[in-house]
Amino acid sequence: MSQNAEEPPALTLVSRPAEGPADGPDDNERRFVDLVGEHRPALLAYAIRLTRGDVGRAEDIVQETFVRAWLRIDRLTPEQGSVGSWLRRVAYNLAVDGHRMRQVRPPEVELQQHDVPMRQDGGDGTEQIVVGMVIRDMLTSIWPEHRAVVEEVYLRDRTVAEAASVLGIPVGTVKSRLFYALRTLRGTAAESGLRAS
């Protein structure tokens, strides 16, 4: 079969010129690992002094310094200047910036044990909040007329006669709507996996 003009030309691989080492991802990673191994202990000690002994903040500063070093790894060479000096300068700037930000931001205050309201049963009320949210969602799933009856009788603690008077409907209608509302709510609760206590 002869080659015609519509066929693409054969691909040929072109190698890099041999003048100088290739700076590929593997080379950068190796240089970065070497840089961290060589400079991390001294940089951490320096950062601990900058933060007056706060090791956690010092670790954060060192980590951010090395993130910035990674972004410039191709330019961090002894030929460009002292790598250690550059790392210390970045760490110093990060520490100063962090200090300034803490001065501007209001201080964080931890809650003391006596500041947290406790219930008599030892709970924190979370369960009641969740149950309230579930019930509110369930109430929106029933007809508005039924919901009004449930709210009057169960949420406002009114008798059937009082609910009838407030809603302006007969007592029998209140009983009927209450019956159907509760039946629907029980079905919804069962589908949701809730159980009556």
C-alpha atoms as a PDB file:
ATOM      1  CA  MET A   1       0.000   0.000   0.000  1.00  0.00           C
ATOM      2  CA  SER A   2       1.479   3.316  -1.055  1.00  0.00           C
ATOM      3  CA  GLN A   3       1.569   6.309   1.226  1.00  0.00           C
ATOM      4  CA  ASN A   4      -0.763   9.090   0.099  1.00  0.00           C
ATOM      5  CA  ALA A   5      -0.918  12.769   1.101  1.00  0.00           C
ATOM      6  CA  GLU A   6      -3.792  12.274   3.588  1.00  0.00           C
ATOM      7  CA  GLU A   7      -1.908   9.937   5.943  1.00  0.00           C
ATOM      8  CA  PRO A   8      -0.239  11.639   8.934  1.00  0.00           C
ATOM      9  CA  PRO A   9       3.526  11.548   8.998  1.00  0.00           C
ATOM     10  CA  ALA A  10       5.198   9.078  11.318  1.00  0.00           C
ATOM     11  CA  LEU A  11       5.963  10.425  14.812  1.00  0.00           C
ATOM     12  CA  THR A  12       9.564  10.682  15.851  1.00  0.00           C
ATOM     13  CA  LEU A  13      10.763  11.271  19.385  1.00  0.00           C
ATOM     14  CA  VAL A  14      13.039  14.217  19.873  1.00  0.00           C
ATOM     15  CA  SER A  15      15.437  13.970  22.790  1.00  0.00           C
ATOM     16  CA  ARG A  16      16.602  16.896  24.918  1.00  0.00           C
ATOM     17  CA  PRO A  17      19.857  18.526  23.983  1.00  0.00           C
ATOM     18  CA  ALA A  18      22.725  17.121  25.964  1.00  0.00           C
ATOM     19  CA  GLU A  19      24.029  20.506  27.141  1.00  0.00           C
ATOM     20  CA  GLY A  20      23.165  20.574  30.888  1.00  0.00           C
ATOM     21  CA  PRO A  21      21.141  18.473  33.269  1.00  0.00           C
ATOM     22  CA  ALA A  22      17.383  18.119  32.823  1.00  0.00           C
ATOM     23  CA  ASP A  23      15.324  19.678  35.587  1.00  0.00           C
ATOM     24  CA  GLY A  24      12.363  17.325  35.604  1.00  0.00           C
ATOM     25  CA  PRO A  25       9.823  16.674  38.361  1.00  0.00           C
ATOM     26  CA  ASP A  26      11.964  13.917  39.856  1.00  0.00           C
ATOM     27  CA  ASP A  27      14.979  16.225  40.098  1.00  0.00           C
ATOM     28  CA  ASN A  28      12.918  18.953  41.794  1.00  0.00           C
ATOM     29  CA  GLU A  29      11.415  16.466  44.240  1.00  0.00           C
ATOM     30  CA  ARG A  30      14.853  15.119  45.136  1.00  0.00           C
ATOM     31  CA  ARG A  31      16.204  18.623  45.628  1.00  0.00           C
ATOM     32  CA  PHE A  32      13.229  19.532  47.791  1.00  0.00           C
ATOM     33  CA  VAL A  33      13.580  16.417  49.966  1.00  0.00           C
ATOM     34  CA  ASP A  34      17.278  17.187  50.390  1.00  0.00           C
ATOM     35  CA  LEU A  35      16.515  20.830  51.215  1.00  0.00           C
ATOM     36  CA  VAL A  36      13.973  19.841  53.905  1.00  0.00           C
ATOM     37  CA  GLY A  37      16.302  17.230  55.361  1.00  0.00           C
ATOM     38  CA  GLU A  38      19.178  19.672  55.553  1.00  0.00           C
ATOM     39  CA  HIS A  39      17.369  22.791  56.818  1.00  0.00           C
ATOM     40  CA  ARG A  40      14.318  21.627  58.814  1.00  0.00           C
ATOM     41  CA  PRO A  41      15.937  21.087  62.251  1.00  0.00           C
ATOM     42  CA  ALA A  42      17.623  24.500  62.319  1.00  0.00           C
ATOM     43  CA  LEU A  43      14.559  26.222  60.845  1.00  0.00           C
ATOM     44  CA  LEU A  44      12.268  24.654  63.454  1.00  0.00           C
ATOM     45  CA  ALA A  45      14.568  25.743  66.283  1.00  0.00           C
ATOM     46  CA  TYR A  46      14.569  29.268  64.822  1.00  0.00           C
ATOM     47  CA  ALA A  47      10.764  29.288  64.502  1.00  0.00           C
ATOM     48  CA  ILE A  48      10.363  28.101  68.109  1.00  0.00           C
ATOM     49  CA  ARG A  49      12.468  31.074  69.224  1.00  0.00           C
ATOM     50  CA  LEU A  50      10.379  33.412  67.043  1.00  0.00           C
ATOM     51  CA  THR A  51       7.153  32.135  68.622  1.00  0.00           C
ATOM     52  CA  ARG A  52       8.553  32.208  72.165  1.00  0.00           C
ATOM     53  CA  GLY A  53       8.336  28.470  72.611  1.00  0.00           C
ATOM     54  CA  ASP A  54       4.958  27.799  70.932  1.00  0.00           C
ATOM     55  CA  VAL A  55       5.876  24.583  69.126  1.00  0.00           C
ATOM     56  CA  GLY A  56       2.530  24.305  67.329  1.00  0.00           C
ATOM     57  CA  ARG A  57       2.826  27.751  65.782  1.00  0.00           C
ATOM     58  CA  ALA A  58       6.477  27.102  64.995  1.00  0.00           C
ATOM     59  CA  GLU A  59       5.558  23.884  63.138  1.00  0.00           C
ATOM     60  CA  ASP A  60       2.948  25.814  61.131  1.00  0.00           C
ATOM     61  CA  ILE A  61       5.528  28.450  60.202  1.00  0.00           C
ATOM     62  CA  VAL A  62       8.060  25.821  59.117  1.00  0.00           C
ATOM     63  CA  GLN A  63       5.444  24.016  57.051  1.00  0.00           C
ATOM     64  CA  GLU A  64       4.344  27.213  55.293  1.00  0.00           C
ATOM     65  CA  THR A  65       7.997  28.138  54.708  1.00  0.00           C
ATOM     66  CA  PHE A  66       8.617  24.824  52.977  1.00  0.00           C
ATOM     67  CA  VAL A  67       5.437  25.213  50.904  1.00  0.00           C
ATOM     68  CA  ARG A  68       6.848  28.496  49.627  1.00  0.00           C
ATOM     69  CA  ALA A  69      10.228  26.865  49.073  1.00  0.00           C
ATOM     70  CA  TRP A  70       8.585  24.152  46.970  1.00  0.00           C
ATOM     71  CA  LEU A  71       6.964  26.814  44.791  1.00  0.00           C
ATOM     72  CA  ARG A  72      10.443  28.327  44.139  1.00  0.00           C
ATOM     73  CA  ILE A  73      12.476  25.112  44.159  1.00  0.00           C
ATOM     74  CA  ASP A  74      13.911  25.792  40.714  1.00  0.00           C
ATOM     75  CA  ARG A  75      15.373  29.120  41.941  1.00  0.00           C
ATOM     76  CA  LEU A  76      16.602  27.960  45.362  1.00  0.00           C
ATOM     77  CA  THR A  77      20.158  27.108  44.532  1.00  0.00           C
ATOM     78  CA  PRO A  78      23.426  28.107  46.187  1.00  0.00           C
ATOM     79  CA  GLU A  79      24.271  30.048  43.028  1.00  0.00           C
ATOM     80  CA  GLN A  80      21.256  32.327  43.669  1.00  0.00           C
ATOM     81  CA  GLY A  81      22.274  32.978  47.282  1.00  0.00           C
ATOM     82  CA  SER A  82      22.104  31.317  50.681  1.00  0.00           C
ATOM     83  CA  VAL A  83      19.116  28.937  50.816  1.00  0.00           C
ATOM     84  CA  GLY A  84      19.232  28.898  54.606  1.00  0.00           C
ATOM     85  CA  SER A  85      19.072  32.685  54.795  1.00  0.00           C
ATOM     86  CA  TRP A  86      16.110  32.754  52.417  1.00  0.00           C
ATOM     87  CA  LEU A  87      14.253  30.140  54.522  1.00  0.00           C
ATOM     88  CA  ARG A  88      14.925  32.083  57.755  1.00  0.00           C
ATOM     89  CA  ARG A  89      13.707  35.331  56.159  1.00  0.00           C
ATOM     90  CA  VAL A  90      10.460  33.684  55.009  1.00  0.00           C
ATOM     91  CA  ALA A  91       9.930  32.122  58.457  1.00  0.00           C
ATOM     92  CA  TYR A  92      10.575  35.485  60.130  1.00  0.00           C
ATOM     93  CA  ASN A  93       8.066  37.247  57.854  1.00  0.00           C
ATOM     94  CA  LEU A  94       5.448  34.564  58.518  1.00  0.00           C
ATOM     95  CA  ALA A  95       5.947  34.873  62.280  1.00  0.00           C
ATOM     96  CA  VAL A  96       5.636  38.676  62.156  1.00  0.00           C
ATOM     97  CA  ASP A  97       2.530  38.495  59.939  1.00  0.00           C
ATOM     98  CA  GLY A  98       0.964  35.941  62.284  1.00  0.00           C
ATOM     99  CA  HIS A  99       1.713  38.114  65.302  1.00  0.00           C
ATOM    100  CA  ARG A 100       0.148  41.158  63.641  1.00  0.00           C
ATOM    101  CA  MET A 101      -2.974  39.203  62.694  1.00  0.00           C
ATOM    102  CA  ARG A 102      -3.415  38.010  66.285  1.00  0.00           C
ATOM    103  CA  GLN A 103      -3.100  41.599  67.511  1.00  0.00           C
ATOM    104  CA  VAL A 104      -5.906  42.741  65.195  1.00  0.00           C
ATOM    105  CA  ARG A 105      -8.209  39.788  65.854  1.00  0.00           C
ATOM    106  CA  PRO A 106     -10.059  39.659  69.177  1.00  0.00           C
ATOM    107  CA  PRO A 107      -8.573  37.119  71.576  1.00  0.00           C
ATOM    108  CA  GLU A 108     -10.042  33.636  71.637  1.00  0.00           C
ATOM    109  CA  VAL A 109     -11.539  32.642  74.961  1.00  0.00           C
ATOM    110  CA  GLU A 110     -12.117  29.053  75.934  1.00  0.00           C
ATOM    111  CA  LEU A 111     -15.409  28.144  77.567  1.00  0.00           C
ATOM    112  CA  GLN A 112     -15.061  27.101  81.161  1.00  0.00           C
ATOM    113  CA  GLN A 113     -17.005  24.082  82.429  1.00  0.00           C
ATOM    114  CA  HIS A 114     -19.379  26.296  84.439  1.00  0.00           C
ATOM    115  CA  ASP A 115     -20.128  28.421  81.322  1.00  0.00           C
ATOM    116  CA  VAL A 116     -21.778  25.506  79.495  1.00  0.00           C
ATOM    117  CA  PRO A 117     -25.445  25.103  80.469  1.00  0.00           C
ATOM    118  CA  MET A 118     -26.187  21.577  81.630  1.00  0.00           C
ATOM    119  CA  ARG A 119     -29.551  19.936  81.907  1.00  0.00           C
ATOM    120  CA  GLN A 120     -30.693  18.011  84.947  1.00  0.00           C
ATOM    121  CA  ASP A 121     -30.411  14.692  83.093  1.00  0.00           C
ATOM    122  CA  GLY A 122     -26.769  15.409  82.141  1.00  0.00           C
ATOM    123  CA  GLY A 123     -27.559  15.956  78.435  1.00  0.00           C
ATOM    124  CA  ASP A 124     -26.785  19.095  76.497  1.00  0.00           C
ATOM    125  CA  GLY A 125     -30.186  19.457  74.801  1.00  0.00           C
ATOM    126  CA  THR A 126     -28.926  18.428  71.368  1.00  0.00           C
ATOM    127  CA  GLU A 127     -31.344  15.534  71.160  1.00  0.00           C
ATOM    128  CA  GLN A 128     -34.308  17.788  71.930  1.00  0.00           C
ATOM    129  CA  ILE A 129     -33.227  20.219  69.215  1.00  0.00           C
ATOM    130  CA  VAL A 130     -32.965  17.433  66.640  1.00  0.00           C
ATOM    131  CA  VAL A 131     -36.344  15.985  67.658  1.00  0.00           C
ATOM    132  CA  GLY A 132     -37.874  19.464  67.402  1.00  0.00           C
ATOM    133  CA  MET A 133     -36.485  19.883  63.888  1.00  0.00           C
ATOM    134  CA  VAL A 134     -37.806  16.481  62.821  1.00  0.00           C
ATOM    135  CA  ILE A 135     -41.249  17.232  64.265  1.00  0.00           C
ATOM    136  CA  ARG A 136     -41.336  20.614  62.519  1.00  0.00           C
ATOM    137  CA  ASP A 137     -40.523  18.908  59.213  1.00  0.00           C
ATOM    138  CA  MET A 138     -43.187  16.284  59.855  1.00  0.00           C
ATOM    139  CA  LEU A 139     -45.790  18.955  60.614  1.00  0.00           C
ATOM    140  CA  THR A 140     -45.160  20.591  57.248  1.00  0.00           C
ATOM    141  CA  SER A 141     -46.060  17.292  55.589  1.00  0.00           C
ATOM    142  CA  ILE A 142     -49.702  17.342  56.787  1.00  0.00           C
ATOM    143  CA  TRP A 143     -52.565  19.503  55.604  1.00  0.00           C
ATOM    144  CA  PRO A 144     -52.631  23.040  57.026  1.00  0.00           C
ATOM    145  CA  GLU A 145     -56.059  22.482  58.659  1.00  0.00           C
ATOM    146  CA  HIS A 146     -54.740  19.372  60.431  1.00  0.00           C
ATOM    147  CA  ARG A 147     -51.521  21.139  61.400  1.00  0.00           C
ATOM    148  CA  ALA A 148     -53.465  24.010  62.982  1.00  0.00           C
ATOM    149  CA  VAL A 149     -55.396  21.565  65.180  1.00  0.00           C
ATOM    150  CA  VAL A 150     -52.204  19.741  66.249  1.00  0.00           C
ATOM    151  CA  GLU A 151     -50.496  23.041  67.083  1.00  0.00           C
ATOM    152  CA  GLU A 152     -53.442  24.239  69.196  1.00  0.00           C
ATOM    153  CA  VAL A 153     -53.901  20.992  71.132  1.00  0.00           C
ATOM    154  CA  TYR A 154     -50.308  19.751  71.507  1.00  0.00           C
ATOM    155  CA  LEU A 155     -48.048  22.759  71.126  1.00  0.00           C
ATOM    156  CA  ARG A 156     -50.236  25.366  72.821  1.00  0.00           C
ATOM    157  CA  ASP A 157     -51.650  22.822  75.312  1.00  0.00           C
ATOM    158  CA  ARG A 158     -55.313  23.652  74.689  1.00  0.00           C
ATOM    159  CA  THR A 159     -58.276  21.357  75.186  1.00  0.00           C
ATOM    160  CA  VAL A 160     -60.301  20.237  72.183  1.00  0.00           C
ATOM    161  CA  ALA A 161     -63.048  22.730  73.127  1.00  0.00           C
ATOM    162  CA  GLU A 162     -60.533  25.580  73.472  1.00  0.00           C
ATOM    163  CA  ALA A 163     -58.939  24.681  70.114  1.00  0.00           C
ATOM    164  CA  ALA A 164     -62.387  24.638  68.500  1.00  0.00           C
ATOM    165  CA  SER A 165     -63.130  28.077  69.925  1.00  0.00           C
ATOM    166  CA  VAL A 166     -59.790  29.547  68.781  1.00  0.00           C
ATOM    167  CA  LEU A 167     -60.056  28.027  65.290  1.00  0.00           C
ATOM    168  CA  GLY A 168     -63.771  28.806  64.945  1.00  0.00           C
ATOM    169  CA  ILE A 169     -64.771  25.242  64.046  1.00  0.00           C
ATOM    170  CA  PRO A 170     -66.976  22.640  65.764  1.00  0.00           C
ATOM    171  CA  VAL A 171     -65.495  20.346  68.453  1.00  0.00           C
ATOM    172  CA  GLY A 172     -66.271  17.290  66.288  1.00  0.00           C
ATOM    173  CA  THR A 173     -64.210  18.759  63.432  1.00  0.00           C
ATOM    174  CA  VAL A 174     -61.283  19.323  65.788  1.00  0.00           C
ATOM    175  CA  LYS A 175     -61.486  15.672  66.937  1.00  0.00           C
ATOM    176  CA  SER A 176     -61.731  14.391  63.374  1.00  0.00           C
ATOM    177  CA  ARG A 177     -58.802  16.500  62.105  1.00  0.00           C
ATOM    178  CA  LEU A 178     -56.739  15.547  65.135  1.00  0.00           C
ATOM    179  CA  PHE A 179     -57.390  11.846  64.500  1.00  0.00           C
ATOM    180  CA  TYR A 180     -56.305  12.024  60.840  1.00  0.00           C
ATOM    181  CA  ALA A 181     -53.340  14.286  61.592  1.00  0.00           C
ATOM    182  CA  LEU A 182     -51.998  11.923  64.238  1.00  0.00           C
ATOM    183  CA  ARG A 183     -52.485   8.909  61.975  1.00  0.00           C
ATOM    184  CA  THR A 184     -50.503  10.635  59.196  1.00  0.00           C
ATOM    185  CA  LEU A 185     -47.764  11.735  61.620  1.00  0.00           C
ATOM    186  CA  ARG A 186     -47.409   8.193  63.028  1.00  0.00           C
ATOM    187  CA  GLY A 187     -47.027   6.838  59.494  1.00  0.00           C
ATOM    188  CA  THR A 188     -44.429   9.466  58.655  1.00  0.00           C
ATOM    189  CA  ALA A 189     -42.565   8.747  61.894  1.00  0.00           C
ATOM    190  CA  ALA A 190     -42.557   5.012  61.167  1.00  0.00           C
ATOM    191  CA  GLU A 191     -41.186   5.635  57.655  1.00  0.00           C
ATOM    192  CA  SER A 192     -38.463   7.843  59.133  1.00  0.00           C
ATOM    193  CA  GLY A 193     -37.488   5.173  61.632  1.00  0.00           C
ATOM    194  CA  LEU A 194     -38.689   7.138  64.647  1.00  0.00           C
ATOM    195  CA  ARG A 195     -40.498   5.431  67.486  1.00  0.00           C
ATOM    196  CA  ALA A 196     -42.857   6.755  70.071  1.00  0.00           C
ATOM    197  CA  SER A 197     -41.359   7.023  73.546  1.00  0.00           C
END
